[in-house]
PDB file of N, CA and C in Angstrom:
ATOM      1  N   MET A   1     -86.334   8.248 125.356  1.00  0.00           N
ATOM      2  CA  MET A   1     -85.578   9.288 124.833  1.00  0.00           C
ATOM      3  C   MET A   1     -84.948  10.574 126.115  1.00  0.00           C
ATOM      4  N   GLU A   2     -85.866  11.141 126.378  1.00  0.00           N
ATOM      5  CA  GLU A   2     -86.134  11.758 127.717  1.00  0.00           C
ATOM      6  C   GLU A   2     -84.750  11.576 128.565  1.00  0.00           C
ATOM      7  N   VAL A   3     -84.626  10.242 128.715  1.00  0.00           N
ATOM      8  CA  VAL A   3     -83.892  10.123 129.975  1.00  0.00           C
ATOM      9  C   VAL A   3     -82.377  10.017 129.274  1.00  0.00           C
ATOM     10  N   LEU A   4     -82.227   9.157 127.897  1.00  0.00           N
ATOM     11  CA  LEU A   4     -80.828   9.864 127.206  1.00  0.00           C
ATOM     12  C   LEU A   4     -80.158  11.119 127.066  1.00  0.00           C
ATOM     13  N   TRP A   5     -81.475  11.693 126.757  1.00  0.00           N
ATOM     14  CA  TRP A   5     -81.190  13.371 126.522  1.00  0.00           C
ATOM     15  C   TRP A   5     -80.767  14.140 127.561  1.00  0.00           C
ATOM     16  N   THR A   6     -80.900  13.499 128.579  1.00  0.00           N
ATOM     17  CA  THR A   6     -80.623  14.803 130.098  1.00  0.00           C
ATOM     18  C   THR A   6     -79.551  13.497 130.610  1.00  0.00           C
ATOM     19  N   ASN A   7     -78.963  12.913 130.045  1.00  0.00           N
ATOM     20  CA  ASN A   7     -77.570  12.245 130.603  1.00  0.00           C
ATOM     21  C   ASN A   7     -76.410  12.425 129.519  1.00  0.00           C
ATOM     22  N   ASP A   8     -75.549  13.173 129.903  1.00  0.00           N
ATOM     23  CA  ASP A   8     -74.291  12.660 129.520  1.00  0.00           C
ATOM     24  C   ASP A   8     -73.654  11.681 128.853  1.00  0.00           C
ATOM     25  N   ALA A   9     -73.647  10.739 129.853  1.00  0.00           N
ATOM     26  CA  ALA A   9     -72.929   9.513 129.328  1.00  0.00           C
ATOM     27  C   ALA A   9     -74.118   8.551 128.440  1.00  0.00           C
ATOM     28  N   SER A  10     -73.473   7.426 128.338  1.00  0.00           N
ATOM     29  CA  SER A  10     -74.387   6.420 127.657  1.00  0.00           C
ATOM     30  C   SER A  10     -74.905   5.332 128.646  1.00  0.00           C
ATOM     31  N   LEU A  11     -76.004   4.847 128.500  1.00  0.00           N
ATOM     32  CA  LEU A  11     -76.363   4.032 129.725  1.00  0.00           C
ATOM     33  C   LEU A  11     -76.636   2.757 129.570  1.00  0.00           C
ATOM     34  N   THR A  12     -76.943   2.071 130.201  1.00  0.00           N
ATOM     35  CA  THR A  12     -77.404   0.531 130.108  1.00  0.00           C
ATOM     36  C   THR A  12     -78.725   0.497 130.444  1.00  0.00           C
ATOM     37  N   ALA A  13     -79.340  -0.660 129.504  1.00  0.00           N
ATOM     38  CA  ALA A  13     -80.995  -0.980 129.847  1.00  0.00           C
ATOM     39  C   ALA A  13     -81.517  -0.626 131.270  1.00  0.00           C
ATOM     40  N   ASN A  14     -80.705  -1.592 132.216  1.00  0.00           N
ATOM     41  CA  ASN A  14     -80.748  -1.593 133.436  1.00  0.00           C
ATOM     42  C   ASN A  14     -81.113  -0.310 134.215  1.00  0.00           C
ATOM     43  N   GLU A  15     -79.794   0.783 133.718  1.00  0.00           N
ATOM     44  CA  GLU A  15     -79.872   2.129 134.012  1.00  0.00           C
ATOM     45  C   GLU A  15     -81.332   2.849 133.554  1.00  0.00           C
ATOM     46  N   LEU A  16     -81.358   2.545 132.396  1.00  0.00           N
ATOM     47  CA  LEU A  16     -82.569   3.265 131.816  1.00  0.00           C
ATOM     48  C   LEU A  16     -83.849   3.032 132.504  1.00  0.00           C
ATOM     49  N   ARG A  17     -83.733   1.631 132.938  1.00  0.00           N
ATOM     50  CA  ARG A  17     -84.755   1.375 133.871  1.00  0.00           C
ATOM     51  C   ARG A  17     -85.104   2.068 135.094  1.00  0.00           C
ATOM     52  N   ASP A  18     -84.082   2.199 136.078  1.00  0.00           N
ATOM     53  CA  ASP A  18     -83.944   2.650 136.905  1.00  0.00           C
ATOM     54  C   ASP A  18     -84.338   4.033 137.186  1.00  0.00           C
ATOM     55  N   ALA A  19     -83.903   4.793 136.218  1.00  0.00           N
ATOM     56  CA  ALA A  19     -83.665   6.501 135.840  1.00  0.00           C
ATOM     57  C   ALA A  19     -85.666   6.335 135.629  1.00  0.00           C
ATOM     58  N   LEU A  20     -86.027   5.714 134.711  1.00  0.00           N
ATOM     59  CA  LEU A  20     -87.556   5.251 134.418  1.00  0.00           C
ATOM     60  C   LEU A  20     -88.222   5.685 135.665  1.00  0.00           C
ATOM     61  N   ALA A  21     -88.005   4.760 136.355  1.00  0.00           N
ATOM     62  CA  ALA A  21     -88.812   4.171 137.931  1.00  0.00           C
ATOM     63  C   ALA A  21     -88.538   5.388 138.930  1.00  0.00           C
ATOM     64  N   LEU A  22     -87.603   6.165 138.805  1.00  0.00           N
ATOM     65  CA  LEU A  22     -87.438   7.317 139.752  1.00  0.00           C
ATOM     66  C   LEU A  22     -88.133   8.302 139.158  1.00  0.00           C
ATOM     67  N   ARG A  23     -88.153   8.571 137.635  1.00  0.00           N
ATOM     68  CA  ARG A  23     -89.064   9.457 137.202  1.00  0.00           C
ATOM     69  C   ARG A  23     -90.320   9.522 137.715  1.00  0.00           C
ATOM     70  N   ASP A  24     -90.898   8.140 137.417  1.00  0.00           N
ATOM     71  CA  ASP A  24     -92.380   7.659 137.525  1.00  0.00           C
ATOM     72  C   ASP A  24     -92.661   7.235 138.792  1.00  0.00           C
ATOM     73  N   GLU A  25     -91.872   7.597 140.015  1.00  0.00           N
ATOM     74  CA  GLU A  25     -91.958   7.007 141.291  1.00  0.00           C
ATOM     75  C   GLU A  25     -93.414   7.366 141.774  1.00  0.00           C
ATOM     76  N   ALA A  26     -93.933   8.617 141.829  1.00  0.00           N
ATOM     77  CA  ALA A  26     -94.953   8.555 142.266  1.00  0.00           C
ATOM     78  C   ALA A  26     -96.417   8.522 141.497  1.00  0.00           C
ATOM     79  N   SER A  27     -96.360   7.572 140.379  1.00  0.00           N
ATOM     80  CA  SER A  27     -97.300   6.983 140.158  1.00  0.00           C
ATOM     81  C   SER A  27     -97.610   5.214 140.201  1.00  0.00           C
ATOM     82  N   GLY A  28     -96.311   4.422 140.646  1.00  0.00           N
ATOM     83  CA  GLY A  28     -96.113   3.532 141.038  1.00  0.00           C
ATOM     84  C   GLY A  28     -95.840   2.776 139.992  1.00  0.00           C
ATOM     85  N   ARG A  29     -95.657   3.174 139.137  1.00  0.00           N
ATOM     86  CA  ARG A  29     -95.299   2.215 137.925  1.00  0.00           C
ATOM     87  C   ARG A  29     -94.010   1.847 137.447  1.00  0.00           C
ATOM     88  N   THR A  30     -93.673   0.363 137.203  1.00  0.00           N
ATOM     89  CA  THR A  30     -92.097  -0.118 137.090  1.00  0.00           C
ATOM     90  C   THR A  30     -92.483  -0.459 135.479  1.00  0.00           C
ATOM     91  N   VAL A  31     -91.370  -0.347 134.815  1.00  0.00           N
ATOM     92  CA  VAL A  31     -91.031  -0.716 133.290  1.00  0.00           C
ATOM     93  C   VAL A  31     -89.957  -2.016 133.489  1.00  0.00           C
ATOM     94  N   ALA A  32     -90.534  -3.106 132.949  1.00  0.00           N
ATOM     95  CA  ALA A  32     -89.568  -4.511 132.904  1.00  0.00           C
ATOM     96  C   ALA A  32     -87.883  -3.943 131.963  1.00  0.00           C
ATOM     97  N   THR A  33     -87.309  -4.597 132.364  1.00  0.00           N
ATOM     98  CA  THR A  33     -85.619  -4.487 131.649  1.00  0.00           C
ATOM     99  C   THR A  33     -86.579  -4.751 130.160  1.00  0.00           C
ATOM    100  N   THR A  34     -86.858  -6.405 130.034  1.00  0.00           N
ATOM    101  CA  THR A  34     -87.115  -6.581 128.497  1.00  0.00           C
ATOM    102  C   THR A  34     -87.513  -5.538 127.967  1.00  0.00           C
ATOM    103  N   THR A  35     -88.934  -4.725 128.619  1.00  0.00           N
ATOM    104  CA  THR A  35     -89.460  -3.772 127.661  1.00  0.00           C
ATOM    105  C   THR A  35     -88.640  -2.716 127.239  1.00  0.00           C
ATOM    106  N   VAL A  36     -87.898  -2.122 128.176  1.00  0.00           N
ATOM    107  CA  VAL A  36     -86.752  -1.173 127.818  1.00  0.00           C
ATOM    108  C   VAL A  36     -85.940  -1.704 126.602  1.00  0.00           C
ATOM    109  N   LEU A  37     -85.544  -2.880 126.799  1.00  0.00           N
ATOM    110  CA  LEU A  37     -84.502  -3.518 125.536  1.00  0.00           C
ATOM    111  C   LEU A  37     -85.402  -3.388 124.487  1.00  0.00           C
ATOM    112  N   THR A  38     -86.671  -3.686 124.633  1.00  0.00           N
ATOM    113  CA  THR A  38     -87.471  -3.632 123.128  1.00  0.00           C
ATOM    114  C   THR A  38     -87.719  -2.262 122.740  1.00  0.00           C
ATOM    115  N   VAL A  39     -87.817  -1.302 123.490  1.00  0.00           N
ATOM    116  CA  VAL A  39     -88.190   0.059 123.099  1.00  0.00           C
ATOM    117  C   VAL A  39     -86.582   0.626 122.471  1.00  0.00           C
ATOM    118  N   LEU A  40     -85.840   0.273 123.137  1.00  0.00           N
ATOM    119  CA  LEU A  40     -84.340   0.653 122.971  1.00  0.00           C
ATOM    120  C   LEU A  40     -84.050  -0.114 121.322  1.00  0.00           C
ATOM    121  N   SER A  41     -84.525  -1.412 121.448  1.00  0.00           N
ATOM    122  CA  SER A  41     -84.174  -1.956 119.879  1.00  0.00           C
ATOM    123  C   SER A  41     -84.501  -0.972 118.838  1.00  0.00           C
ATOM    124  N   ARG A  42     -86.065  -0.851 118.897  1.00  0.00           N
ATOM    125  CA  ARG A  42     -86.845  -0.036 117.676  1.00  0.00           C
ATOM    126  C   ARG A  42     -86.349   1.179 117.910  1.00  0.00           C
ATOM    127  N   LEU A  43     -85.908   1.807 118.952  1.00  0.00           N
ATOM    128  CA  LEU A  43     -85.554   3.256 118.649  1.00  0.00           C
ATOM    129  C   LEU A  43     -84.080   3.230 117.724  1.00  0.00           C
ATOM    130  N   GLU A  44     -83.351   2.189 118.037  1.00  0.00           N
ATOM    131  CA  GLU A  44     -81.978   2.218 116.926  1.00  0.00           C
ATOM    132  C   GLU A  44     -82.297   1.826 115.758  1.00  0.00           C
ATOM    133  N   ARG A  45     -83.127   0.994 115.836  1.00  0.00           N
ATOM    134  CA  ARG A  45     -83.910   0.337 114.100  1.00  0.00           C
ATOM    135  C   ARG A  45     -83.880   1.574 113.168  1.00  0.00           C
ATOM    136  N   LYS A  46     -84.400   2.699 114.208  1.00  0.00           N
ATOM    137  CA  LYS A  46     -84.988   4.036 113.995  1.00  0.00           C
ATOM    138  C   LYS A  46     -84.111   5.184 113.566  1.00  0.00           C
ATOM    139  N   GLY A  47     -82.928   4.826 114.120  1.00  0.00           N
ATOM    140  CA  GLY A  47     -81.667   5.919 114.275  1.00  0.00           C
ATOM    141  C   GLY A  47     -81.933   6.716 115.188  1.00  0.00           C
ATOM    142  N   PHE A  48     -82.678   6.586 116.355  1.00  0.00           N
ATOM    143  CA  PHE A  48     -82.490   7.589 117.339  1.00  0.00           C
ATOM    144  C   PHE A  48     -81.755   7.218 118.545  1.00  0.00           C
ATOM    145  N   VAL A  49     -81.060   6.003 118.397  1.00  0.00           N
ATOM    146  CA  VAL A  49     -79.971   5.876 119.571  1.00  0.00           C
ATOM    147  C   VAL A  49     -79.059   4.757 118.825  1.00  0.00           C
ATOM    148  N   SER A  50     -77.724   4.866 119.428  1.00  0.00           N
ATOM    149  CA  SER A  50     -76.636   4.179 118.985  1.00  0.00           C
ATOM    150  C   SER A  50     -76.477   3.033 120.271  1.00  0.00           C
ATOM    151  N   ARG A  51     -75.933   2.417 120.071  1.00  0.00           N
ATOM    152  CA  ARG A  51     -75.900   0.825 120.748  1.00  0.00           C
ATOM    153  C   ARG A  51     -74.093   0.344 120.796  1.00  0.00           C
ATOM    154  N   SER A  52     -73.487   0.357 121.950  1.00  0.00           N
ATOM    155  CA  SER A  52     -72.438   0.213 121.735  1.00  0.00           C
ATOM    156  C   SER A  52     -72.222  -1.387 121.956  1.00  0.00           C
ATOM    157  N   ARG A  53     -71.494  -2.349 121.250  1.00  0.00           N
ATOM    158  CA  ARG A  53     -71.728  -3.641 121.453  1.00  0.00           C
ATOM    159  C   ARG A  53     -70.344  -4.399 121.635  1.00  0.00           C
ATOM    160  N   ASP A  54     -69.369  -3.202 121.756  1.00  0.00           N
ATOM    161  CA  ASP A  54     -68.046  -3.796 122.460  1.00  0.00           C
ATOM    162  C   ASP A  54     -67.729  -4.381 123.945  1.00  0.00           C
ATOM    163  N   GLN A  55     -68.748  -4.191 124.931  1.00  0.00           N
ATOM    164  CA  GLN A  55     -68.664  -4.603 126.066  1.00  0.00           C
ATOM    165  C   GLN A  55     -70.425  -4.836 126.607  1.00  0.00           C
ATOM    166  N   ARG A  56     -70.334  -5.595 127.801  1.00  0.00           N
ATOM    167  CA  ARG A  56     -71.613  -6.109 128.208  1.00  0.00           C
ATOM    168  C   ARG A  56     -71.692  -5.831 129.492  1.00  0.00           C
ATOM    169  N   PRO A  57     -73.063  -5.341 130.143  1.00  0.00           N
ATOM    170  CA  PRO A  57     -73.979  -5.136 128.738  1.00  0.00           C
ATOM    171  C   PRO A  57     -74.043  -4.320 128.087  1.00  0.00           C
ATOM    172  N   HIS A  58     -74.546  -3.631 127.133  1.00  0.00           N
ATOM    173  CA  HIS A  58     -74.324  -2.630 125.814  1.00  0.00           C
ATOM    174  C   HIS A  58     -74.956  -1.554 126.528  1.00  0.00           C
ATOM    175  N   ARG A  59     -74.570  -0.638 126.281  1.00  0.00           N
ATOM    176  CA  ARG A  59     -74.796   0.981 126.454  1.00  0.00           C
ATOM    177  C   ARG A  59     -75.257   1.596 125.283  1.00  0.00           C
ATOM    178  N   TYR A  60     -76.347   2.603 125.657  1.00  0.00           N
ATOM    179  CA  TYR A  60     -77.213   2.799 124.431  1.00  0.00           C
ATOM    180  C   TYR A  60     -76.917   4.820 124.820  1.00  0.00           C
ATOM    181  N   ARG A  61     -76.905   5.005 123.825  1.00  0.00           N
ATOM    182  CA  ARG A  61     -76.940   6.948 123.668  1.00  0.00           C
ATOM    183  C   ARG A  61     -78.124   7.407 122.653  1.00  0.00           C
ATOM    184  N   ALA A  62     -78.378   8.310 122.695  1.00  0.00           N
ATOM    185  CA  ALA A  62     -79.023   9.491 121.513  1.00  0.00           C
ATOM    186  C   ALA A  62     -77.903   9.763 120.476  1.00  0.00           C
ATOM    187  N   LEU A  63     -78.539   9.602 119.488  1.00  0.00           N
ATOM    188  CA  LEU A  63     -77.694  10.053 118.425  1.00  0.00           C
ATOM    189  C   LEU A  63     -77.658  11.464 118.331  1.00  0.00           C
ATOM    190  N   LEU A  64     -78.652  11.745 118.243  1.00  0.00           N
ATOM    191  CA  LEU A  64     -79.140  13.396 117.907  1.00  0.00           C
ATOM    192  C   LEU A  64     -79.256  14.199 119.507  1.00  0.00           C
ATOM    193  N   SER A  65     -78.962  15.342 119.999  1.00  0.00           N
ATOM    194  CA  SER A  65     -79.655  16.310 120.657  1.00  0.00           C
ATOM    195  C   SER A  65     -81.256  16.101 120.883  1.00  0.00           C
ATOM    196  N   ARG A  66     -81.835  16.513 121.872  1.00  0.00           N
ATOM    197  CA  ARG A  66     -83.193  17.140 121.843  1.00  0.00           C
ATOM    198  C   ARG A  66     -83.521  18.194 120.728  1.00  0.00           C
ATOM    199  N   GLU A  67     -82.409  19.256 120.902  1.00  0.00           N
ATOM    200  CA  GLU A  67     -82.738  20.163 119.816  1.00  0.00           C
ATOM    201  C   GLU A  67     -82.507  19.979 118.322  1.00  0.00           C
ATOM    202  N   GLU A  68     -81.172  19.001 117.959  1.00  0.00           N
ATOM    203  CA  GLU A  68     -81.214  18.436 116.674  1.00  0.00           C
ATOM    204  C   GLU A  68     -82.340  17.657 116.080  1.00  0.00           C
ATOM    205  N   HIS A  69     -82.880  16.746 117.295  1.00  0.00           N
ATOM    206  CA  HIS A  69     -84.035  16.021 116.799  1.00  0.00           C
ATOM    207  C   HIS A  69     -85.175  17.063 116.316  1.00  0.00           C
ATOM    208  N   THR A  70     -85.448  18.052 117.752  1.00  0.00           N
ATOM    209  CA  THR A  70     -87.020  18.970 116.928  1.00  0.00           C
ATOM    210  C   THR A  70     -86.492  19.479 115.725  1.00  0.00           C
ATOM    211  N   ALA A  71     -85.232  19.869 115.239  1.00  0.00           N
ATOM    212  CA  ALA A  71     -84.889  20.498 114.102  1.00  0.00           C
ATOM    213  C   ALA A  71     -85.509  19.663 113.319  1.00  0.00           C
ATOM    214  N   GLU A  72     -84.793  18.199 113.141  1.00  0.00           N
ATOM    215  CA  GLU A  72     -85.380  17.431 112.371  1.00  0.00           C
ATOM    216  C   GLU A  72     -86.798  17.011 112.269  1.00  0.00           C
ATOM    217  N   LEU A  73     -87.420  17.270 112.957  1.00  0.00           N
ATOM    218  CA  LEU A  73     -88.869  16.861 112.865  1.00  0.00           C
ATOM    219  C   LEU A  73     -89.731  18.274 112.338  1.00  0.00           C
ATOM    220  N   MET A  74     -89.141  19.090 112.558  1.00  0.00           N
ATOM    221  CA  MET A  74     -89.762  20.867 111.840  1.00  0.00           C
ATOM    222  C   MET A  74     -89.491  20.277 110.255  1.00  0.00           C
ATOM    223  N   HIS A  75     -88.275  19.718 109.952  1.00  0.00           N
ATOM    224  CA  HIS A  75     -87.695  19.629 108.754  1.00  0.00           C
ATOM    225  C   HIS A  75     -89.025  18.832 107.625  1.00  0.00           C
ATOM    226  N   GLU A  76     -89.110  18.001 108.514  1.00  0.00           N
ATOM    227  CA  GLU A  76     -90.062  16.827 108.170  1.00  0.00           C
ATOM    228  C   GLU A  76     -91.187  17.296 108.050  1.00  0.00           C
ATOM    229  N   VAL A  77     -91.854  17.831 109.044  1.00  0.00           N
ATOM    230  CA  VAL A  77     -93.115  18.732 108.590  1.00  0.00           C
ATOM    231  C   VAL A  77     -93.129  19.480 107.690  1.00  0.00           C
ATOM    232  N   LEU A  78     -92.181  20.095 106.945  1.00  0.00           N
ATOM    233  CA  LEU A  78     -91.742  20.991 106.247  1.00  0.00           C
ATOM    234  C   LEU A  78     -91.839  20.684 104.598  1.00  0.00           C
ATOM    235  N   ASP A  79     -90.947  19.458 104.797  1.00  0.00           N
ATOM    236  CA  ASP A  79     -90.958  18.588 103.440  1.00  0.00           C
ATOM    237  C   ASP A  79     -92.417  17.826 103.378  1.00  0.00           C
ATOM    238  N   ARG A  80     -93.203  17.376 103.856  1.00  0.00           N
ATOM    239  CA  ARG A  80     -94.157  16.993 103.670  1.00  0.00           C
ATOM    240  C   ARG A  80     -95.633  18.067 103.210  1.00  0.00           C
ATOM    241  N   SER A  81     -95.103  19.495 103.666  1.00  0.00           N
ATOM    242  CA  SER A  81     -96.375  20.556 103.223  1.00  0.00           C
ATOM    243  C   SER A  81     -96.205  20.427 101.699  1.00  0.00           C
ATOM    244  N   SER A  82     -97.292  20.721 101.367  1.00  0.00           N
ATOM    245  CA  SER A  82     -97.692  20.961  99.245  1.00  0.00           C
ATOM    246  C   SER A  82     -97.038  22.910  99.005  1.00  0.00           C
ATOM    247  N   ASP A  83     -97.045  23.445 100.336  1.00  0.00           N
ATOM    248  CA  ASP A  83     -96.811  24.891 100.203  1.00  0.00           C
ATOM    249  C   ASP A  83     -95.899  25.180 101.245  1.00  0.00           C
ATOM    250  N   ARG A  84     -94.601  24.946 101.202  1.00  0.00           N
ATOM    251  CA  ARG A  84     -93.697  25.169 101.991  1.00  0.00           C
ATOM    252  C   ARG A  84     -93.537  26.524 102.724  1.00  0.00           C
ATOM    253  N   ASP A  85     -93.736  27.502 101.724  1.00  0.00           N
ATOM    254  CA  ASP A  85     -93.538  29.013 101.857  1.00  0.00           C
ATOM    255  C   ASP A  85     -94.923  29.393 102.960  1.00  0.00           C
ATOM    256  N   ALA A  86     -95.751  28.894 102.757  1.00  0.00           N
ATOM    257  CA  ALA A  86     -97.437  28.917 103.456  1.00  0.00           C
ATOM    258  C   ALA A  86     -97.697  28.474 104.786  1.00  0.00           C
ATOM    259  N   ALA A  87     -96.495  27.287 104.900  1.00  0.00           N
ATOM    260  CA  ALA A  87     -96.607  26.481 106.223  1.00  0.00           C
ATOM    261  C   ALA A  87     -95.521  27.454 107.208  1.00  0.00           C
ATOM    262  N   LEU A  88     -94.370  28.151 106.357  1.00  0.00           N
ATOM    263  CA  LEU A  88     -93.629  28.883 107.328  1.00  0.00           C
ATOM    264  C   LEU A  88     -94.141  30.619 107.597  1.00  0.00           C
ATOM    265  N   ALA A  89     -94.891  30.649 107.012  1.00  0.00           N
ATOM    266  CA  ALA A  89     -95.391  31.847 107.059  1.00  0.00           C
ATOM    267  C   ALA A  89     -96.535  31.836 108.211  1.00  0.00           C
ATOM    268  N   ARG A  90     -97.571  30.429 107.918  1.00  0.00           N
ATOM    269  CA  ARG A  90     -98.032  30.307 109.364  1.00  0.00           C
ATOM    270  C   ARG A  90     -97.417  29.785 110.735  1.00  0.00           C
ATOM    271  N   PHE A  91     -96.386  29.155 110.526  1.00  0.00           N
ATOM    272  CA  PHE A  91     -95.821  29.290 111.964  1.00  0.00           C
ATOM    273  C   PHE A  91     -94.933  30.533 111.999  1.00  0.00           C
ATOM    274  N   VAL A  92     -94.569  31.206 111.551  1.00  0.00           N
ATOM    275  CA  VAL A  92     -94.042  32.396 111.862  1.00  0.00           C
ATOM    276  C   VAL A  92     -95.178  33.554 112.582  1.00  0.00           C
ATOM    277  N   GLY A  93     -96.147  33.443 111.979  1.00  0.00           N
ATOM    278  CA  GLY A  93     -97.573  33.908 112.428  1.00  0.00           C
ATOM    279  C   GLY A  93     -97.910  33.830 113.928  1.00  0.00           C
ATOM    280  N   THR A  94     -97.363  32.548 114.512  1.00  0.00           N
ATOM    281  CA  THR A  94     -97.931  32.184 115.392  1.00  0.00           C
ATOM    282  C   THR A  94     -97.309  32.229 116.802  1.00  0.00           C
ATOM    283  N   VAL A  95     -95.669  33.066 116.670  1.00  0.00           N
ATOM    284  CA  VAL A  95     -94.784  32.817 117.508  1.00  0.00           C
ATOM    285  C   VAL A  95     -94.853  34.143 118.241  1.00  0.00           C
ATOM    286  N   SER A  96     -94.082  33.825 119.619  1.00  0.00           N
ATOM    287  CA  SER A  96     -94.212  34.920 120.285  1.00  0.00           C
ATOM    288  C   SER A  96     -93.208  35.991 119.888  1.00  0.00           C
ATOM    289  N   ALA A  97     -93.587  37.293 120.099  1.00  0.00           N
ATOM    290  CA  ALA A  97     -92.550  38.244 119.933  1.00  0.00           C
ATOM    291  C   ALA A  97     -90.716  38.200 120.520  1.00  0.00           C
ATOM    292  N   THR A  98     -90.856  37.125 121.442  1.00  0.00           N
ATOM    293  CA  THR A  98     -89.593  37.021 122.021  1.00  0.00           C
ATOM    294  C   THR A  98     -89.082  35.688 120.992  1.00  0.00           C
ATOM    295  N   GLU A  99     -89.595  34.796 120.622  1.00  0.00           N
ATOM    296  CA  GLU A  99     -89.374  33.426 119.255  1.00  0.00           C
ATOM    297  C   GLU A  99     -89.256  34.567 118.355  1.00  0.00           C
ATOM    298  N   ALA A 100     -89.733  35.607 117.681  1.00  0.00           N
ATOM    299  CA  ALA A 100     -89.671  36.310 116.659  1.00  0.00           C
ATOM    300  C   ALA A 100     -88.271  37.013 116.580  1.00  0.00           C
ATOM    301  N   ALA A 101     -87.700  37.552 117.907  1.00  0.00           N
ATOM    302  CA  ALA A 101     -86.498  38.267 117.612  1.00  0.00           C
ATOM    303  C   ALA A 101     -85.443  37.394 117.916  1.00  0.00           C
ATOM    304  N   THR A 102     -85.626  35.941 118.349  1.00  0.00           N
ATOM    305  CA  THR A 102     -84.434  35.123 117.948  1.00  0.00           C
ATOM    306  C   THR A 102     -84.520  34.607 116.705  1.00  0.00           C
ATOM    307  N   LEU A 103     -85.618  34.215 116.164  1.00  0.00           N
ATOM    308  CA  LEU A 103     -85.704  33.899 114.824  1.00  0.00           C
ATOM    309  C   LEU A 103     -84.989  34.998 114.032  1.00  0.00           C
ATOM    310  N   ARG A 104     -85.403  36.331 113.984  1.00  0.00           N
ATOM    311  CA  ARG A 104     -84.632  37.465 113.626  1.00  0.00           C
ATOM    312  C   ARG A 104     -83.191  37.324 113.416  1.00  0.00           C
ATOM    313  N   LYS A 105     -82.828  37.232 114.735  1.00  0.00           N
ATOM    314  CA  LYS A 105     -81.577  37.027 115.108  1.00  0.00           C
ATOM    315  C   LYS A 105     -80.452  36.241 114.428  1.00  0.00           C
ATOM    316  N   LEU A 106     -81.280  35.030 114.533  1.00  0.00           N
ATOM    317  CA  LEU A 106     -80.674  33.812 114.068  1.00  0.00           C
ATOM    318  C   LEU A 106     -80.587  34.026 112.441  1.00  0.00           C
ATOM    319  N   LEU A 107     -81.459  34.581 111.489  1.00  0.00           N
ATOM    320  CA  LEU A 107     -81.777  34.705 110.479  1.00  0.00           C
ATOM    321  C   LEU A 107     -80.056  35.456 110.031  1.00  0.00           C
ATOM    322  N   ASP A 108     -80.534  36.692 110.578  1.00  0.00           N
ATOM    323  CA  ASP A 108     -79.326  37.903 110.447  1.00  0.00           C
ATOM    324  C   ASP A 108     -77.945  37.111 110.594  1.00  0.00           C
ATOM    325  N   ASP A 109     -77.738  36.200 111.423  1.00  0.00           N
ATOM    326  CA  ASP A 109     -76.631  35.353 111.426  1.00  0.00           C
ATOM    327  C   ASP A 109     -76.183  34.992 110.363  1.00  0.00           C
ATOM    328  N   LEU A 110     -76.940  34.495 109.830  1.00  0.00           N
ATOM    329  CA  LEU A 110     -76.443  33.536 108.616  1.00  0.00           C
ATOM    330  C   LEU A 110     -76.405  34.477 107.112  1.00  0.00           C
ATOM    331  N   ALA A 111     -77.212  35.893 107.364  1.00  0.00           N
ATOM    332  CA  ALA A 111     -76.819  36.436 106.234  1.00  0.00           C
ATOM    333  C   ALA A 111     -75.337  36.995 105.683  1.00  0.00           C
ATOM    334  N   PRO A 112     -75.150  36.678 104.675  1.00  0.00           N
ATOM    335  CA  PRO A 112     -73.726  36.575 104.143  1.00  0.00           C
ATOM    336  C   PRO A 112     -73.283  38.280 104.566  1.00  0.00           C
ATOM    337  N   ARG A 113     -71.868  38.432 104.700  1.00  0.00           N
ATOM    338  CA  ARG A 113     -71.366  39.788 105.102  1.00  0.00           C
ATOM    339  C   ARG A 113     -70.630  40.525 104.138  1.00  0.00           C
TER     340      ARG A 113
END
């Protein structure tokens, strides 16, 4: 997902494989295209990526931005909590002063005027 999020354009499995190889160059690891295709297929089934089928090779892109995905994860965690207010309070109690200021501004911007 990291490679898809950092690219504006959709990518083929081979382009993704090459980008992964560049990123992991120091480790000496290489990933087979079939492995990339397997992971992409699973990500597509889970709704994380879309595949363009109108050309060959197929091209893949992230359906959500990294920020949208993170927000979805945060909602999922809150939805699983038996006490959403307590979970939010615990979270807010752990943020930095800068993060608290950002939250305050964002909440103020949501308030009806």
